[in-house]
Each structure stands twice: as structure tokens, then as C-alpha cells.
Amino acid sequence: MDDIRIEGKAEYALIAPGYIDIVRAKNHTFSYNSGKPVYSFVFVENGELCCTFKGVKAEKVVSGECLFVPKGLPYTTTYVGENNRVKILSFDVKGIEKFNDDTPKTMRAAEIGLVFSSINEYNMYSSTFLFSKIYELLFYLKESGMLSGEKYGRIYPAINELKKNYFKNEKVSYYADLCAMSESNFRKLFKEYTGVSPVEYRNMIRISALKTMLNTGVANVGEAAYLVGFNNMSFFYEVYNRYREK
């Protein structure tokens, strides 16, 4: 096989990474009259918010969706859901004046939720780690196939349930019912969207949660495996060896 080599000059460099995990009550409103001095990815883990940008249509962001907020664009945000919880990754760039497509965008993809769920008390203070997560999100922002759409929006009730209750051993038919779909159509659309089956997706979330427990010392391997939903240790080790490097 021939060598494949890619060489090139970086388009820009990321600087000033930041992360915040906030909870806001319903009807809480705030405004940035001059826009924020940094770019932001705003992920709604729970609840719903509405962002109205000056000169741009309003963006409604619901649970499981992520909003890209450009630097320097005035806007007002209102939290319209109950029990709103939002995670925000912010950053700035040097090397270019601004992104080519410097407009607000709402994204929905299973991978985006996993990016934010991987941030925890153990790694949130690491600039290197935050940079890696921001680059992931910038890739998804650029890929049009990762943007939300009606077709894949049908399976999001299942994705949201899997993220919230990954420790439950529900059958695939349970998740298909949440989406008002037949099990065969649900399996097909789910894999088309995420690249994996519903069970594989759940296992990936479980392993991520287990790693967090081990890194923070809140549980040993056996305890963590049980807490994330593995009742059979032989099966757990099989899954762990499959996903531990991911």
C-alpha cells in the first residue's frame, strides 16, 4: 500500500478555552447588547431556550441540541423550559478575522451530546482537553450532515432517554415505542444517524460514565460496572475492552 501523507498549514489557532455548567429557572432572560467577546457552543442538556439575534431570526434550542453562537453578535436569551440545564464551551481564535460562515447554527447529533457528557470535574480544567472537544464541535459544525433535520429528529426521544437512563436495560422495542416507530425502522434510522446500534450506543455512554467514576475515585471497577448497568461482569469486560480506547 502506498504511503498517504497530508501536509498543510493550519487555518487558525484556538485560544482562551472556557467551560461552564449552569442551571436557570424558567423565564430567566439576559442580553448581550454588544455580543459576546468569544465564540460559544451552547448545549441544552435539559429544558429549552430561545435566542434572538440582532438582524437574524430567533433560534429555538431544545434538550439535546447545541447552538453555535458567533462572536460579537448581539442577542437575547430566554429560558422557556422547566429545570433548564445548559453546558457552554467558549473559545476565541487567532490567525483569521472570523469564521467564513459566521452565523448562529443549531445542531443536533448524538456525537455532540457525547462531547459534552465527556466533560467532568476531572478534566474540565485541562485546556488541552477542552481544545480537543472544541475542535470536535467545529468539525460537526462544518459537516452539513451533522446538522439537525426532521428525518433524524424522529429518533431523538430515544437518544435523550438513552443518555438520561443509560443504566436501565430496556429492550430496543421500548426505545422504538418512544419514537412511535416500528422496531425495524427505528433500528435502521438509528444506525444511519449514529453509526451504531441502540445497544452499542448505550454501551458507549456506559463506558464513558464508568471511566468518569474510576477517574474521580467514586467507585471501583465492579461497583462502577454495576452502577452503569452491567449486571454480568464477563459481558462488561467484553464491552469494556471493545470501547476503552474510544
Protein backbone atom coordinates (compact mmCIF):
# COMPACT_ATOMS: atom_id res chain seq x y z
CA MET A 1 0.00 0.00 0.00
CA ASP A 2 1.31 3.45 -0.90
CA ASP A 3 2.10 5.94 1.81
CA ILE A 4 -0.56 8.55 2.35
CA ARG A 5 0.70 11.84 3.64
CA ILE A 6 -1.25 15.01 4.30
CA GLU A 7 0.60 18.24 4.91
CA GLY A 8 -0.78 21.70 5.20
CA LYS A 9 -0.89 24.93 7.09
CA ALA A 10 -3.32 25.33 9.99
CA GLU A 11 -6.24 27.60 9.16
CA TYR A 12 -6.30 29.15 12.63
CA ALA A 13 -5.38 28.50 16.26
CA LEU A 14 -7.78 28.23 19.18
CA ILE A 15 -7.18 30.31 22.30
CA ALA A 16 -8.93 31.15 25.57
CA PRO A 17 -10.95 27.95 26.17
CA GLY A 18 -13.72 28.10 28.77
CA TYR A 19 -16.38 25.80 30.16
CA ILE A 20 -19.44 26.42 32.33
CA ASP A 21 -22.30 24.21 33.51
CA ILE A 22 -25.31 26.31 34.58
CA VAL A 23 -28.89 25.88 35.78
CA ARG A 24 -31.51 28.56 35.08
CA ALA A 25 -35.14 28.95 36.11
CA LYS A 26 -37.98 29.31 33.64
CA ASN A 27 -38.34 32.83 32.14
CA HIS A 28 -34.80 33.81 33.10
CA THR A 29 -33.63 36.33 30.48
CA PHE A 30 -30.34 38.06 29.75
CA SER A 31 -28.90 40.08 26.88
CA TYR A 32 -25.51 40.71 25.28
CA ASN A 33 -26.03 44.12 23.68
CA SER A 34 -22.62 44.07 22.05
CA GLY A 35 -22.40 40.32 21.62
CA LYS A 36 -20.03 38.00 23.47
CA PRO A 37 -16.27 38.59 23.14
CA VAL A 38 -15.77 34.88 22.33
CA TYR A 39 -17.40 32.14 20.28
CA SER A 40 -19.61 29.65 22.12
CA PHE A 41 -21.20 26.24 21.77
CA VAL A 42 -24.31 26.16 23.97
CA PHE A 43 -25.59 22.65 24.67
CA VAL A 44 -29.04 22.27 26.25
CA GLU A 45 -28.84 19.16 28.40
CA ASN A 46 -32.33 19.73 29.76
CA GLY A 47 -35.06 22.28 29.14
CA GLU A 48 -35.43 24.77 26.34
CA LEU A 49 -34.20 28.25 25.44
CA CYS A 50 -34.81 30.83 22.75
CA CYS A 51 -32.03 33.06 21.41
CA THR A 52 -32.99 36.16 19.42
CA PHE A 53 -30.06 37.58 17.44
CA LYS A 54 -29.96 41.11 16.07
CA GLY A 55 -30.69 41.01 12.36
CA VAL A 56 -31.06 37.21 12.39
CA LYS A 57 -34.08 35.00 13.04
CA ALA A 58 -34.58 33.59 16.52
CA GLU A 59 -33.13 30.15 17.32
CA LYS A 60 -35.16 27.78 19.48
CA VAL A 61 -32.92 25.21 21.18
CA VAL A 62 -34.40 22.20 22.97
CA SER A 63 -32.98 19.37 25.06
CA GLY A 64 -30.19 17.57 23.21
CA GLU A 65 -29.47 20.39 20.77
CA CYS A 66 -26.39 22.61 20.55
CA LEU A 67 -26.32 26.23 19.39
CA PHE A 68 -23.23 27.82 17.87
CA VAL A 69 -23.10 31.48 18.96
CA PRO A 70 -20.81 33.74 16.89
CA LYS A 71 -18.51 36.27 18.48
CA GLY A 72 -19.70 39.89 18.60
CA LEU A 73 -23.31 39.26 17.52
CA PRO A 74 -25.85 40.96 19.87
CA TYR A 75 -28.56 38.64 21.18
CA THR A 76 -31.05 37.96 23.95
CA THR A 77 -31.66 34.56 25.53
CA THR A 78 -34.80 33.48 27.36
CA TYR A 79 -35.06 30.15 29.18
CA VAL A 80 -38.55 28.88 28.40
CA GLY A 81 -38.35 25.32 29.70
CA GLU A 82 -38.55 23.80 33.16
CA ASN A 83 -35.39 22.74 35.02
CA ASN A 84 -33.09 24.25 32.39
CA ARG A 85 -29.52 22.97 32.43
CA VAL A 86 -27.01 24.26 29.89
CA LYS A 87 -23.36 23.48 29.24
CA ILE A 88 -21.23 26.02 27.37
CA LEU A 89 -17.84 25.67 25.69
CA SER A 90 -16.36 29.03 24.71
CA PHE A 91 -13.23 29.95 22.80
CA ASP A 92 -11.54 32.53 20.61
CA VAL A 93 -9.35 32.18 17.53
CA LYS A 94 -6.27 33.80 16.12
CA GLY A 95 -4.99 33.68 12.58
CA ILE A 96 -8.27 34.70 10.94
CA GLU A 97 -10.62 37.61 11.49
CA LYS A 98 -13.73 35.43 11.72
CA PHE A 99 -15.16 32.15 10.51
CA ASN A 100 -16.31 32.06 6.88
CA ASP A 101 -19.88 31.21 7.87
CA ASP A 102 -20.13 33.32 11.00
CA THR A 103 -23.85 32.86 11.71
CA PRO A 104 -25.79 31.12 14.52
CA LYS A 105 -26.49 27.44 13.87
CA THR A 106 -28.44 24.86 15.85
CA MET A 107 -27.03 21.34 15.66
CA ARG A 108 -28.44 18.02 16.74
CA ALA A 109 -26.33 14.87 16.64
CA ALA A 110 -25.72 12.03 19.05
CA GLU A 111 -21.99 12.69 18.87
CA ILE A 112 -22.45 16.26 20.10
CA GLY A 113 -24.18 15.07 23.26
CA LEU A 114 -21.29 12.67 23.87
CA VAL A 115 -18.78 15.52 23.52
CA PHE A 116 -20.41 17.40 26.39
CA SER A 117 -21.06 14.30 28.51
CA SER A 118 -17.32 13.55 28.38
CA ILE A 119 -16.53 16.79 30.25
CA ASN A 120 -16.43 16.31 34.02
CA GLU A 121 -14.82 17.57 37.22
CA TYR A 122 -11.68 15.58 36.42
CA ASN A 123 -10.90 17.13 33.01
CA MET A 124 -12.80 20.43 32.84
CA TYR A 125 -9.73 22.40 33.98
CA SER A 126 -7.48 20.97 31.27
CA SER A 127 -7.04 23.43 28.39
CA THR A 128 -5.72 20.65 26.15
CA PHE A 129 -8.82 18.54 26.78
CA LEU A 130 -11.20 21.46 26.18
CA PHE A 131 -9.39 22.33 22.95
CA SER A 132 -9.89 18.76 21.72
CA LYS A 133 -13.64 18.97 22.43
CA ILE A 134 -13.94 22.36 20.71
CA TYR A 135 -12.20 21.03 17.59
CA GLU A 136 -14.66 18.13 17.53
CA LEU A 137 -17.59 20.54 17.65
CA LEU A 138 -16.08 22.73 14.94
CA PHE A 139 -15.86 19.65 12.72
CA TYR A 140 -19.54 18.85 13.31
CA LEU A 141 -20.41 22.50 12.68
CA LYS A 142 -18.75 22.32 9.28
CA GLU A 143 -20.28 18.98 8.29
CA SER A 144 -23.76 19.69 6.95
CA GLY A 145 -24.78 16.08 7.56
CA MET A 146 -24.44 16.60 11.28
CA LEU A 147 -26.99 19.41 11.38
CA SER A 148 -30.45 18.77 12.74
CA GLY A 149 -33.27 17.76 10.44
CA GLU A 150 -36.80 16.43 10.58
CA LYS A 151 -35.76 12.96 9.43
CA TYR A 152 -33.38 12.27 12.30
CA GLY A 153 -35.35 14.32 14.77
CA ARG A 154 -37.77 11.39 14.94
CA ILE A 155 -35.29 9.28 16.91
CA TYR A 156 -34.21 11.95 19.38
CA PRO A 157 -36.69 10.93 22.12
CA ALA A 158 -34.83 7.62 22.23
CA ILE A 159 -31.40 9.27 22.21
CA ASN A 160 -32.43 11.57 25.04
CA GLU A 161 -33.76 8.62 27.05
CA LEU A 162 -30.58 6.62 26.47
CA LYS A 163 -28.43 9.50 27.67
CA LYS A 164 -30.50 10.10 30.79
CA ASN A 165 -31.15 6.47 31.78
CA TYR A 166 -28.27 4.56 30.22
CA PHE A 167 -28.10 2.29 33.28
CA LYS A 168 -31.50 0.75 32.51
CA ASN A 169 -31.60 -2.47 30.49
CA GLU A 170 -34.59 -1.67 28.30
CA LYS A 171 -35.24 -3.57 25.09
CA VAL A 172 -34.85 -1.85 21.72
CA SER A 173 -38.62 -2.06 21.25
CA TYR A 174 -39.02 0.26 24.25
CA TYR A 175 -36.99 2.99 22.53
CA ALA A 176 -38.80 2.43 19.23
CA ASP A 177 -42.13 2.97 21.02
CA LEU A 178 -40.86 6.28 22.42
CA CYS A 179 -40.35 7.41 18.83
CA ALA A 180 -43.67 5.98 17.59
CA MET A 181 -41.79 3.80 15.11
CA SER A 182 -41.64 0.11 14.26
CA GLU A 183 -38.58 -1.58 15.74
CA SER A 184 -37.10 -2.41 12.33
CA ASN A 185 -37.44 1.16 11.02
CA PHE A 186 -36.14 2.55 14.30
CA ARG A 187 -33.04 0.32 14.21
CA LYS A 188 -32.32 1.32 10.62
CA LEU A 189 -32.71 5.07 11.18
CA PHE A 190 -30.81 4.98 14.47
CA LYS A 191 -27.78 3.28 12.91
CA GLU A 192 -27.93 5.56 9.86
CA TYR A 193 -27.77 8.58 12.19
CA THR A 194 -25.30 7.43 14.85
CA GLY A 195 -23.31 4.76 13.02
CA VAL A 196 -24.03 2.20 15.74
CA SER A 197 -26.96 0.18 17.06
CA PRO A 198 -29.05 1.42 20.04
CA VAL A 199 -27.39 -1.13 22.33
CA GLU A 200 -23.90 -0.18 21.15
CA TYR A 201 -24.75 3.49 21.67
CA ARG A 202 -25.90 2.75 25.22
CA ASN A 203 -22.74 0.76 25.92
CA MET A 204 -20.57 3.66 24.72
CA ILE A 205 -22.34 6.01 27.14
CA ARG A 206 -21.96 3.46 29.95
CA ILE A 207 -18.23 3.09 29.40
CA SER A 208 -17.81 6.87 29.33
CA ALA A 209 -19.69 7.18 32.64
CA LEU A 210 -17.68 4.31 34.12
CA LYS A 211 -14.37 5.98 33.18
CA THR A 212 -15.52 9.13 34.97
CA MET A 213 -16.29 7.15 38.13
CA LEU A 214 -12.88 5.45 38.03
CA ASN A 215 -11.00 8.70 37.34
CA THR A 216 -12.71 10.51 40.21
CA GLY A 217 -12.38 7.54 42.58
CA VAL A 218 -16.07 7.35 43.48
CA ALA A 219 -16.20 3.59 42.80
CA ASN A 220 -14.02 0.60 41.96
CA VAL A 221 -14.39 -1.34 38.71
CA GLY A 222 -17.00 -3.80 39.98
CA GLU A 223 -19.10 -1.10 41.65
CA ALA A 224 -18.90 1.22 38.65
CA ALA A 225 -19.86 -1.57 36.24
CA TYR A 226 -22.97 -2.31 38.29
CA LEU A 227 -23.91 1.37 38.65
CA VAL A 228 -23.79 2.00 34.89
CA GLY A 229 -25.98 -1.03 34.15
CA PHE A 230 -23.76 -4.08 33.67
CA ASN A 231 -25.08 -6.99 35.71
CA ASN A 232 -22.77 -9.57 34.13
CA MET A 233 -19.05 -8.96 34.66
CA SER A 234 -17.96 -11.23 31.79
CA PHE A 235 -20.11 -9.22 29.40
CA PHE A 236 -18.85 -5.99 30.97
CA TYR A 237 -15.19 -6.85 30.31
CA GLU A 238 -16.04 -7.79 26.75
CA VAL A 239 -17.69 -4.40 26.19
CA TYR A 240 -15.01 -2.51 28.11
CA ASN A 241 -12.19 -3.98 26.01
CA ARG A 242 -14.11 -3.00 22.87
CA TYR A 243 -14.66 0.64 23.82
CA ARG A 244 -11.98 1.59 26.34
CA GLU A 245 -9.81 3.38 23.78
CA LYS A 246 -12.72 5.31 22.28
